[in-house]
All heavy atoms as atom14 arrays in JSON, in Angstrom:
{
  "sequence": "NSDLEDVLLVERLAFGEEEEAELVKNLLSDRSAYPILSLLAFQ",
  "atom14_mask": [
    [1, 1, 1, 1, 1, 1, 1, 1, 0, 0, 0, 0, 0, 0],
    [1, 1, 1, 1, 1, 1, 0, 0, 0, 0, 0, 0, 0, 0],
    [1, 1, 1, 1, 1, 1, 1, 1, 0, 0, 0, 0, 0, 0],
    [1, 1, 1, 1, 1, 1, 1, 1, 0, 0, 0, 0, 0, 0],
    [1, 1, 1, 1, 1, 1, 1, 1, 1, 0, 0, 0, 0, 0],
    [1, 1, 1, 1, 1, 1, 1, 1, 0, 0, 0, 0, 0, 0],
    [1, 1, 1, 1, 1, 1, 1, 0, 0, 0, 0, 0, 0, 0],
    [1, 1, 1, 1, 1, 1, 1, 1, 0, 0, 0, 0, 0, 0],
    [1, 1, 1, 1, 1, 1, 1, 1, 0, 0, 0, 0, 0, 0],
    [1, 1, 1, 1, 1, 1, 1, 0, 0, 0, 0, 0, 0, 0],
    [1, 1, 1, 1, 1, 1, 1, 1, 1, 0, 0, 0, 0, 0],
    [1, 1, 1, 1, 1, 1, 1, 1, 1, 1, 1, 0, 0, 0],
    [1, 1, 1, 1, 1, 1, 1, 1, 0, 0, 0, 0, 0, 0],
    [1, 1, 1, 1, 1, 0, 0, 0, 0, 0, 0, 0, 0, 0],
    [1, 1, 1, 1, 1, 1, 1, 1, 1, 1, 1, 0, 0, 0],
    [1, 1, 1, 1, 0, 0, 0, 0, 0, 0, 0, 0, 0, 0],
    [1, 1, 1, 1, 1, 1, 1, 1, 1, 0, 0, 0, 0, 0],
    [1, 1, 1, 1, 1, 1, 1, 1, 1, 0, 0, 0, 0, 0],
    [1, 1, 1, 1, 1, 1, 1, 1, 1, 0, 0, 0, 0, 0],
    [1, 1, 1, 1, 1, 1, 1, 1, 1, 0, 0, 0, 0, 0],
    [1, 1, 1, 1, 1, 0, 0, 0, 0, 0, 0, 0, 0, 0],
    [1, 1, 1, 1, 1, 1, 1, 1, 1, 0, 0, 0, 0, 0],
    [1, 1, 1, 1, 1, 1, 1, 1, 0, 0, 0, 0, 0, 0],
    [1, 1, 1, 1, 1, 1, 1, 0, 0, 0, 0, 0, 0, 0],
    [1, 1, 1, 1, 1, 1, 1, 1, 1, 0, 0, 0, 0, 0],
    [1, 1, 1, 1, 1, 1, 1, 1, 0, 0, 0, 0, 0, 0],
    [1, 1, 1, 1, 1, 1, 1, 1, 0, 0, 0, 0, 0, 0],
    [1, 1, 1, 1, 1, 1, 1, 1, 0, 0, 0, 0, 0, 0],
    [1, 1, 1, 1, 1, 1, 0, 0, 0, 0, 0, 0, 0, 0],
    [1, 1, 1, 1, 1, 1, 1, 1, 0, 0, 0, 0, 0, 0],
    [1, 1, 1, 1, 1, 1, 1, 1, 1, 1, 1, 0, 0, 0],
    [1, 1, 1, 1, 1, 1, 0, 0, 0, 0, 0, 0, 0, 0],
    [1, 1, 1, 1, 1, 0, 0, 0, 0, 0, 0, 0, 0, 0],
    [1, 1, 1, 1, 1, 1, 1, 1, 1, 1, 1, 1, 0, 0],
    [1, 1, 1, 1, 1, 1, 1, 0, 0, 0, 0, 0, 0, 0],
    [1, 1, 1, 1, 1, 1, 1, 1, 0, 0, 0, 0, 0, 0],
    [1, 1, 1, 1, 1, 1, 1, 1, 0, 0, 0, 0, 0, 0],
    [1, 1, 1, 1, 1, 1, 0, 0, 0, 0, 0, 0, 0, 0],
    [1, 1, 1, 1, 1, 1, 1, 1, 0, 0, 0, 0, 0, 0],
    [1, 1, 1, 1, 1, 1, 1, 1, 0, 0, 0, 0, 0, 0],
    [1, 1, 1, 1, 1, 0, 0, 0, 0, 0, 0, 0, 0, 0],
    [1, 1, 1, 1, 1, 1, 1, 1, 1, 1, 1, 0, 0, 0],
    [1, 1, 1, 1, 1, 1, 1, 1, 1, 0, 0, 0, 0, 0]
  ],
  "atom14_positions": [
    [[44.93, -27.18, -36.04], [44.08, -26.43, -36.96], [44.08, -27.1, -38.36], [43.05, -27.11, -39.04], [44.54, -24.98, -37.13], [44.25, -24.18, -35.85], [43.41, -24.59, -35.05], [44.96, -23.1, -35.67], [0.0, 0.0, 0.0], [0.0, 0.0, 0.0], [0.0, 0.0, 0.0], [0.0, 0.0, 0.0], [0.0, 0.0, 0.0], [0.0, 0.0, 0.0]],
    [[45.21, -27.67, -38.73], [45.3, -28.31, -40.06], [44.5, -29.65, -40.13], [44.33, -30.17, -41.21], [46.75, -28.56, -40.42], [47.33, -29.48, -39.54], [0.0, 0.0, 0.0], [0.0, 0.0, 0.0], [0.0, 0.0, 0.0], [0.0, 0.0, 0.0], [0.0, 0.0, 0.0], [0.0, 0.0, 0.0], [0.0, 0.0, 0.0], [0.0, 0.0, 0.0]],
    [[44.04, -30.14, -38.98], [43.23, -31.37, -38.94], [41.72, -31.14, -39.08], [40.95, -32.06, -38.98], [43.49, -32.1, -37.62], [44.88, -32.64, -37.52], [45.39, -33.18, -38.53], [45.48, -32.54, -36.44], [0.0, 0.0, 0.0], [0.0, 0.0, 0.0], [0.0, 0.0, 0.0], [0.0, 0.0, 0.0], [0.0, 0.0, 0.0], [0.0, 0.0, 0.0]],
    [[41.31, -29.91, -39.26], [39.88, -29.58, -39.22], [39.06, -30.45, -40.17], [37.99, -30.98, -39.79], [39.63, -28.09, -39.5], [38.16, -27.67, -39.47], [37.56, -27.91, -38.1], [38.0, -26.22, -39.85], [0.0, 0.0, 0.0], [0.0, 0.0, 0.0], [0.0, 0.0, 0.0], [0.0, 0.0, 0.0], [0.0, 0.0, 0.0], [0.0, 0.0, 0.0]],
    [[39.51, -30.62, -41.38], [38.72, -31.43, -42.36], [38.61, -32.89, -41.89], [37.54, -33.51, -42.07], [39.34, -31.35, -43.75], [39.07, -29.98, -44.39], [37.58, -29.58, -44.42], [36.76, -30.41, -44.8], [37.29, -28.44, -44.08], [0.0, 0.0, 0.0], [0.0, 0.0, 0.0], [0.0, 0.0, 0.0], [0.0, 0.0, 0.0], [0.0, 0.0, 0.0]],
    [[39.66, -33.44, -41.29], [39.61, -34.8, -40.78], [38.63, -34.86, -39.59], [37.84, -35.83, -39.51], [41.01, -35.28, -40.34], [41.9, -35.67, -41.47], [41.4, -35.93, -42.56], [43.15, -35.68, -41.25], [0.0, 0.0, 0.0], [0.0, 0.0, 0.0], [0.0, 0.0, 0.0], [0.0, 0.0, 0.0], [0.0, 0.0, 0.0], [0.0, 0.0, 0.0]],
    [[38.65, -33.89, -38.72], [37.75, -33.85, -37.56], [36.31, -33.81, -38.08], [35.45, -34.59, -37.63], [38.05, -32.63, -36.68], [36.92, -32.38, -35.68], [39.38, -32.82, -35.95], [0.0, 0.0, 0.0], [0.0, 0.0, 0.0], [0.0, 0.0, 0.0], [0.0, 0.0, 0.0], [0.0, 0.0, 0.0], [0.0, 0.0, 0.0], [0.0, 0.0, 0.0]],
    [[36.03, -32.94, -39.04], [34.69, -32.83, -39.56], [34.23, -34.08, -40.33], [33.06, -34.45, -40.2], [34.57, -31.57, -40.41], [34.85, -30.24, -39.7], [34.72, -29.08, -40.67], [33.96, -30.06, -38.48], [0.0, 0.0, 0.0], [0.0, 0.0, 0.0], [0.0, 0.0, 0.0], [0.0, 0.0, 0.0], [0.0, 0.0, 0.0], [0.0, 0.0, 0.0]],
    [[35.15, -34.73, -41.0], [34.83, -35.98, -41.68], [34.38, -37.05, -40.67], [33.38, -37.72, -40.87], [36.05, -36.49, -42.45], [35.86, -37.88, -43.12], [34.81, -37.86, -44.19], [37.24, -38.34, -43.65], [0.0, 0.0, 0.0], [0.0, 0.0, 0.0], [0.0, 0.0, 0.0], [0.0, 0.0, 0.0], [0.0, 0.0, 0.0], [0.0, 0.0, 0.0]],
    [[35.12, -37.17, -39.6], [34.76, -38.16, -38.55], [33.39, -37.83, -37.99], [32.56, -38.72, -37.79], [35.83, -38.19, -37.43], [35.33, -38.99, -36.24], [37.15, -38.77, -37.93], [0.0, 0.0, 0.0], [0.0, 0.0, 0.0], [0.0, 0.0, 0.0], [0.0, 0.0, 0.0], [0.0, 0.0, 0.0], [0.0, 0.0, 0.0], [0.0, 0.0, 0.0]],
    [[33.14, -36.56, -37.71], [31.84, -36.16, -37.19], [30.71, -36.49, -38.13], [29.67, -37.04, -37.73], [31.84, -34.64, -36.88], [32.79, -34.2, -35.85], [32.51, -34.74, -34.46], [31.35, -35.04, -34.14], [33.46, -34.9, -33.69], [0.0, 0.0, 0.0], [0.0, 0.0, 0.0], [0.0, 0.0, 0.0], [0.0, 0.0, 0.0], [0.0, 0.0, 0.0]],
    [[30.89, -36.2, -39.42], [29.85, -36.49, -40.42], [29.57, -37.98, -40.52], [28.45, -38.43, -40.62], [30.27, -35.93, -41.77], [30.21, -34.43, -41.84], [30.62, -33.93, -43.23], [30.77, -32.49, -43.23], [31.95, -31.87, -43.33], [33.08, -32.53, -43.5], [31.96, -30.56, -43.28], [0.0, 0.0, 0.0], [0.0, 0.0, 0.0], [0.0, 0.0, 0.0]],
    [[30.65, -38.77, -40.56], [30.49, -40.23, -40.68], [29.9, -40.83, -39.45], [29.05, -41.75, -39.51], [31.85, -40.89, -41.0], [32.43, -40.56, -42.36], [33.81, -41.13, -42.49], [31.52, -41.13, -43.46], [0.0, 0.0, 0.0], [0.0, 0.0, 0.0], [0.0, 0.0, 0.0], [0.0, 0.0, 0.0], [0.0, 0.0, 0.0], [0.0, 0.0, 0.0]],
    [[30.25, -40.32, -38.26], [29.76, -40.89, -37.03], [28.29, -40.59, -36.78], [27.55, -41.42, -36.27], [30.61, -40.37, -35.83], [0.0, 0.0, 0.0], [0.0, 0.0, 0.0], [0.0, 0.0, 0.0], [0.0, 0.0, 0.0], [0.0, 0.0, 0.0], [0.0, 0.0, 0.0], [0.0, 0.0, 0.0], [0.0, 0.0, 0.0], [0.0, 0.0, 0.0]],
    [[27.88, -39.35, -37.14], [26.5, -38.96, -36.82], [25.58, -38.92, -38.02], [24.36, -38.76, -37.87], [26.51, -37.56, -36.13], [27.13, -37.62, -34.77], [28.46, -37.26, -34.58], [26.4, -38.04, -33.66], [29.05, -37.32, -33.32], [26.97, -38.09, -32.43], [28.3, -37.76, -32.25], [0.0, 0.0, 0.0], [0.0, 0.0, 0.0], [0.0, 0.0, 0.0]],
    [[26.15, -39.12, -39.22], [25.33, -39.2, -40.42], [24.64, -37.93, -40.85], [23.67, -37.98, -41.59], [0.0, 0.0, 0.0], [0.0, 0.0, 0.0], [0.0, 0.0, 0.0], [0.0, 0.0, 0.0], [0.0, 0.0, 0.0], [0.0, 0.0, 0.0], [0.0, 0.0, 0.0], [0.0, 0.0, 0.0], [0.0, 0.0, 0.0], [0.0, 0.0, 0.0]],
    [[25.11, -36.82, -40.36], [24.49, -35.54, -40.72], [25.52, -34.36, -40.54], [26.56, -34.56, -39.91], [23.26, -35.24, -39.87], [23.52, -35.24, -38.38], [22.25, -35.14, -37.57], [21.45, -36.06, -37.62], [22.07, -34.1, -36.91], [0.0, 0.0, 0.0], [0.0, 0.0, 0.0], [0.0, 0.0, 0.0], [0.0, 0.0, 0.0], [0.0, 0.0, 0.0]],
    [[25.16, -33.25, -41.09], [26.04, -32.08, -41.04], [25.94, -31.33, -39.72], [26.89, -30.61, -39.36], [25.7, -31.14, -42.22], [26.65, -30.03, -42.44], [28.05, -30.49, -42.87], [28.19, -31.54, -43.47], [29.0, -29.79, -42.55], [0.0, 0.0, 0.0], [0.0, 0.0, 0.0], [0.0, 0.0, 0.0], [0.0, 0.0, 0.0], [0.0, 0.0, 0.0]],
    [[24.84, -31.46, -39.01], [24.59, -30.66, -37.81], [25.66, -30.8, -36.76], [26.15, -29.83, -36.18], [23.21, -31.03, -37.23], [22.8, -30.16, -36.09], [21.39, -30.48, -35.61], [20.55, -30.83, -36.44], [21.19, -30.38, -34.38], [0.0, 0.0, 0.0], [0.0, 0.0, 0.0], [0.0, 0.0, 0.0], [0.0, 0.0, 0.0], [0.0, 0.0, 0.0]],
    [[26.09, -32.04, -36.48], [27.13, -32.28, -35.47], [28.45, -31.69, -35.89], [29.16, -31.13, -35.1], [27.24, -33.79, -35.2], [27.99, -34.13, -33.96], [27.19, -33.81, -32.69], [25.98, -33.81, -32.69], [27.85, -33.56, -31.66], [0.0, 0.0, 0.0], [0.0, 0.0, 0.0], [0.0, 0.0, 0.0], [0.0, 0.0, 0.0], [0.0, 0.0, 0.0]],
    [[28.79, -31.86, -37.16], [30.03, -31.29, -37.69], [30.04, -29.79, -37.55], [31.05, -29.2, -37.19], [30.25, -31.71, -39.14], [0.0, 0.0, 0.0], [0.0, 0.0, 0.0], [0.0, 0.0, 0.0], [0.0, 0.0, 0.0], [0.0, 0.0, 0.0], [0.0, 0.0, 0.0], [0.0, 0.0, 0.0], [0.0, 0.0, 0.0], [0.0, 0.0, 0.0]],
    [[28.93, -29.14, -37.83], [28.85, -27.67, -37.7], [29.01, -27.26, -36.25], [29.63, -26.27, -35.97], [27.5, -27.16, -38.24], [27.5, -26.92, -39.73], [28.56, -25.9, -40.16], [28.62, -24.77, -39.61], [29.32, -26.21, -41.07], [0.0, 0.0, 0.0], [0.0, 0.0, 0.0], [0.0, 0.0, 0.0], [0.0, 0.0, 0.0], [0.0, 0.0, 0.0]],
    [[28.4, -28.02, -35.31], [28.53, -27.71, -33.9], [30.0, -27.77, -33.48], [30.5, -26.87, -32.81], [27.71, -28.69, -33.07], [27.92, -28.6, -31.54], [27.5, -27.27, -31.0], [27.17, -29.74, -30.86], [0.0, 0.0, 0.0], [0.0, 0.0, 0.0], [0.0, 0.0, 0.0], [0.0, 0.0, 0.0], [0.0, 0.0, 0.0], [0.0, 0.0, 0.0]],
    [[30.68, -28.81, -33.89], [32.13, -28.96, -33.55], [32.94, -27.82, -34.15], [33.79, -27.24, -33.51], [32.62, -30.34, -33.97], [34.15, -30.44, -33.91], [32.0, -31.42, -33.12], [0.0, 0.0, 0.0], [0.0, 0.0, 0.0], [0.0, 0.0, 0.0], [0.0, 0.0, 0.0], [0.0, 0.0, 0.0], [0.0, 0.0, 0.0], [0.0, 0.0, 0.0]],
    [[32.67, -27.52, -35.39], [33.38, -26.43, -36.1], [33.18, -25.11, -35.33], [34.16, -24.36, -35.13], [32.9, -26.29, -37.53], [33.62, -25.28, -38.36], [33.1, -25.28, -39.78], [33.8, -24.24, -40.61], [33.3, -24.26, -42.0], [0.0, 0.0, 0.0], [0.0, 0.0, 0.0], [0.0, 0.0, 0.0], [0.0, 0.0, 0.0], [0.0, 0.0, 0.0]],
    [[31.96, -24.87, -34.92], [31.65, -23.61, -34.19], [32.34, -23.6, -32.84], [32.86, -22.56, -32.41], [30.15, -23.43, -34.06], [29.47, -23.11, -35.36], [30.12, -22.58, -36.29], [28.2, -23.37, -35.47], [0.0, 0.0, 0.0], [0.0, 0.0, 0.0], [0.0, 0.0, 0.0], [0.0, 0.0, 0.0], [0.0, 0.0, 0.0], [0.0, 0.0, 0.0]],
    [[32.34, -24.71, -32.13], [32.98, -24.77, -30.81], [34.49, -24.56, -30.94], [35.09, -23.9, -30.13], [32.69, -26.12, -30.12], [31.31, -26.26, -29.52], [31.06, -27.71, -29.12], [31.15, -25.3, -28.33], [0.0, 0.0, 0.0], [0.0, 0.0, 0.0], [0.0, 0.0, 0.0], [0.0, 0.0, 0.0], [0.0, 0.0, 0.0], [0.0, 0.0, 0.0]],
    [[35.08, -25.16, -31.93], [36.52, -25.02, -32.13], [36.93, -23.55, -32.43], [38.08, -23.18, -32.13], [37.01, -25.92, -33.25], [37.03, -27.42, -32.96], [37.3, -28.24, -34.19], [38.06, -27.71, -31.86], [0.0, 0.0, 0.0], [0.0, 0.0, 0.0], [0.0, 0.0, 0.0], [0.0, 0.0, 0.0], [0.0, 0.0, 0.0], [0.0, 0.0, 0.0]],
    [[36.06, -22.77, -32.95], [36.37, -21.38, -33.25], [35.84, -20.37, -32.21], [36.05, -19.19, -32.31], [35.82, -20.98, -34.63], [34.46, -21.04, -34.7], [0.0, 0.0, 0.0], [0.0, 0.0, 0.0], [0.0, 0.0, 0.0], [0.0, 0.0, 0.0], [0.0, 0.0, 0.0], [0.0, 0.0, 0.0], [0.0, 0.0, 0.0], [0.0, 0.0, 0.0]],
    [[35.15, -20.9, -31.2], [34.52, -20.06, -30.17], [35.47, -19.81, -29.02], [35.76, -20.72, -28.22], [33.24, -20.72, -29.68], [32.47, -19.89, -28.66], [33.0, -18.82, -28.22], [31.36, -20.31, -28.3], [0.0, 0.0, 0.0], [0.0, 0.0, 0.0], [0.0, 0.0, 0.0], [0.0, 0.0, 0.0], [0.0, 0.0, 0.0], [0.0, 0.0, 0.0]],
    [[36.0, -18.6, -28.89], [36.96, -18.27, -27.83], [36.38, -18.47, -26.42], [37.1, -18.72, -25.46], [37.46, -16.85, -27.98], [38.4, -16.67, -29.12], [39.73, -17.27, -28.73], [40.7, -17.08, -29.78], [41.81, -17.8, -29.88], [42.01, -18.78, -29.03], [42.66, -17.62, -30.83], [0.0, 0.0, 0.0], [0.0, 0.0, 0.0], [0.0, 0.0, 0.0]],
    [[35.06, -18.34, -26.26], [34.46, -18.52, -24.93], [34.48, -19.99, -24.51], [34.24, -20.29, -23.34], [33.06, -17.96, -24.89], [32.15, -18.78, -25.63], [0.0, 0.0, 0.0], [0.0, 0.0, 0.0], [0.0, 0.0, 0.0], [0.0, 0.0, 0.0], [0.0, 0.0, 0.0], [0.0, 0.0, 0.0], [0.0, 0.0, 0.0], [0.0, 0.0, 0.0]],
    [[34.73, -20.9, -25.45], [34.8, -22.34, -25.12], [36.21, -22.75, -24.71], [36.41, -23.91, -24.33], [34.33, -23.15, -26.33], [0.0, 0.0, 0.0], [0.0, 0.0, 0.0], [0.0, 0.0, 0.0], [0.0, 0.0, 0.0], [0.0, 0.0, 0.0], [0.0, 0.0, 0.0], [0.0, 0.0, 0.0], [0.0, 0.0, 0.0], [0.0, 0.0, 0.0]],
    [[37.18, -21.87, -24.76], [38.57, -22.21, -24.41], [38.7, -22.3, -22.91], [38.01, -21.59, -22.2], [39.51, -21.13, -24.96], [39.79, -21.32, -26.42], [38.84, -21.29, -27.38], [41.08, -21.57, -26.84], [39.07, -21.45, -28.72], [41.37, -21.77, -28.22], [40.34, -21.69, -29.13], [40.61, -21.88, -30.46], [0.0, 0.0, 0.0], [0.0, 0.0, 0.0]],
    [[39.57, -23.2, -22.4], [40.49, -24.01, -23.15], [39.78, -25.21, -23.77], [38.83, -25.73, -23.21], [41.52, -24.49, -22.1], [40.74, -24.49, -20.82], [39.74, -23.35, -20.95], [0.0, 0.0, 0.0], [0.0, 0.0, 0.0], [0.0, 0.0, 0.0], [0.0, 0.0, 0.0], [0.0, 0.0, 0.0], [0.0, 0.0, 0.0], [0.0, 0.0, 0.0]],
    [[40.25, -25.61, -24.92], [39.71, -26.74, -25.68], [40.73, -27.85, -25.69], [41.91, -27.58, -25.89], [39.33, -26.34, -27.08], [38.1, -25.46, -27.09], [39.16, -27.49, -28.02], [37.66, -24.92, -28.42], [0.0, 0.0, 0.0], [0.0, 0.0, 0.0], [0.0, 0.0, 0.0], [0.0, 0.0, 0.0], [0.0, 0.0, 0.0], [0.0, 0.0, 0.0]],
    [[40.28, -29.09, -25.55], [41.1, -30.25, -25.84], [40.38, -31.06, -26.9], [39.27, -31.54, -26.67], [41.33, -31.09, -24.56], [42.12, -32.36, -24.81], [43.53, -32.06, -25.34], [42.2, -33.19, -23.5], [0.0, 0.0, 0.0], [0.0, 0.0, 0.0], [0.0, 0.0, 0.0], [0.0, 0.0, 0.0], [0.0, 0.0, 0.0], [0.0, 0.0, 0.0]],
    [[41.01, -31.15, -28.04], [40.44, -31.88, -29.18], [41.41, -32.96, -29.56], [42.57, -32.71, -29.91], [40.26, -30.9, -30.36], [39.77, -31.55, -31.49], [0.0, 0.0, 0.0], [0.0, 0.0, 0.0], [0.0, 0.0, 0.0], [0.0, 0.0, 0.0], [0.0, 0.0, 0.0], [0.0, 0.0, 0.0], [0.0, 0.0, 0.0], [0.0, 0.0, 0.0]],
    [[40.98, -34.21, -29.41], [41.85, -35.37, -29.68], [41.31, -36.11, -30.92], [40.12, -36.32, -31.06], [41.9, -36.32, -28.51], [42.41, -35.75, -27.19], [42.29, -36.79, -26.07], [43.83, -35.28, -27.34], [0.0, 0.0, 0.0], [0.0, 0.0, 0.0], [0.0, 0.0, 0.0], [0.0, 0.0, 0.0], [0.0, 0.0, 0.0], [0.0, 0.0, 0.0]],
    [[42.23, -36.49, -31.79], [41.9, -37.17, -33.03], [42.59, -38.52, -33.04], [43.77, -38.62, -32.77], [42.36, -36.31, -34.21], [41.88, -36.61, -35.62], [40.37, -36.68, -35.7], [42.43, -35.59, -36.59], [0.0, 0.0, 0.0], [0.0, 0.0, 0.0], [0.0, 0.0, 0.0], [0.0, 0.0, 0.0], [0.0, 0.0, 0.0], [0.0, 0.0, 0.0]],
    [[41.84, -39.55, -33.37], [42.38, -40.95, -33.45], [42.54, -41.37, -34.88], [41.68, -41.06, -35.73], [41.45, -41.89, -32.72], [0.0, 0.0, 0.0], [0.0, 0.0, 0.0], [0.0, 0.0, 0.0], [0.0, 0.0, 0.0], [0.0, 0.0, 0.0], [0.0, 0.0, 0.0], [0.0, 0.0, 0.0], [0.0, 0.0, 0.0], [0.0, 0.0, 0.0]],
    [[43.66, -42.02, -35.16], [43.97, -42.52, -36.49], [44.2, -44.02, -36.45], [44.84, -44.53, -35.53], [45.23, -41.85, -37.05], [45.05, -40.41, -37.33], [45.28, -39.45, -36.38], [44.67, -39.95, -38.6], [45.14, -38.12, -36.64], [44.54, -38.63, -38.9], [44.77, -37.68, -37.9], [0.0, 0.0, 0.0], [0.0, 0.0, 0.0], [0.0, 0.0, 0.0]],
    [[43.71, -44.71, -37.43], [43.98, -46.14, -37.65], [44.53, -46.25, -39.07], [43.86, -45.86, -40.04], [42.72, -46.97, -37.52], [42.93, -48.45, -37.65], [43.64, -49.03, -36.42], [43.25, -48.7, -35.3], [44.63, -49.84, -36.63], [0.0, 0.0, 0.0], [0.0, 0.0, 0.0], [0.0, 0.0, 0.0], [0.0, 0.0, 0.0], [0.0, 0.0, 0.0]]
  ]
}
């Protein structure tokens, strides 16, 4: 949960718009989408 801003940053940079980041944010908070596996890569 503490990685949310990093996740959304990657989404915004990868897709160049807010729409994809909002979709991911909504899915992460949607209980009907569970179980969720969200992996974050760092360099």
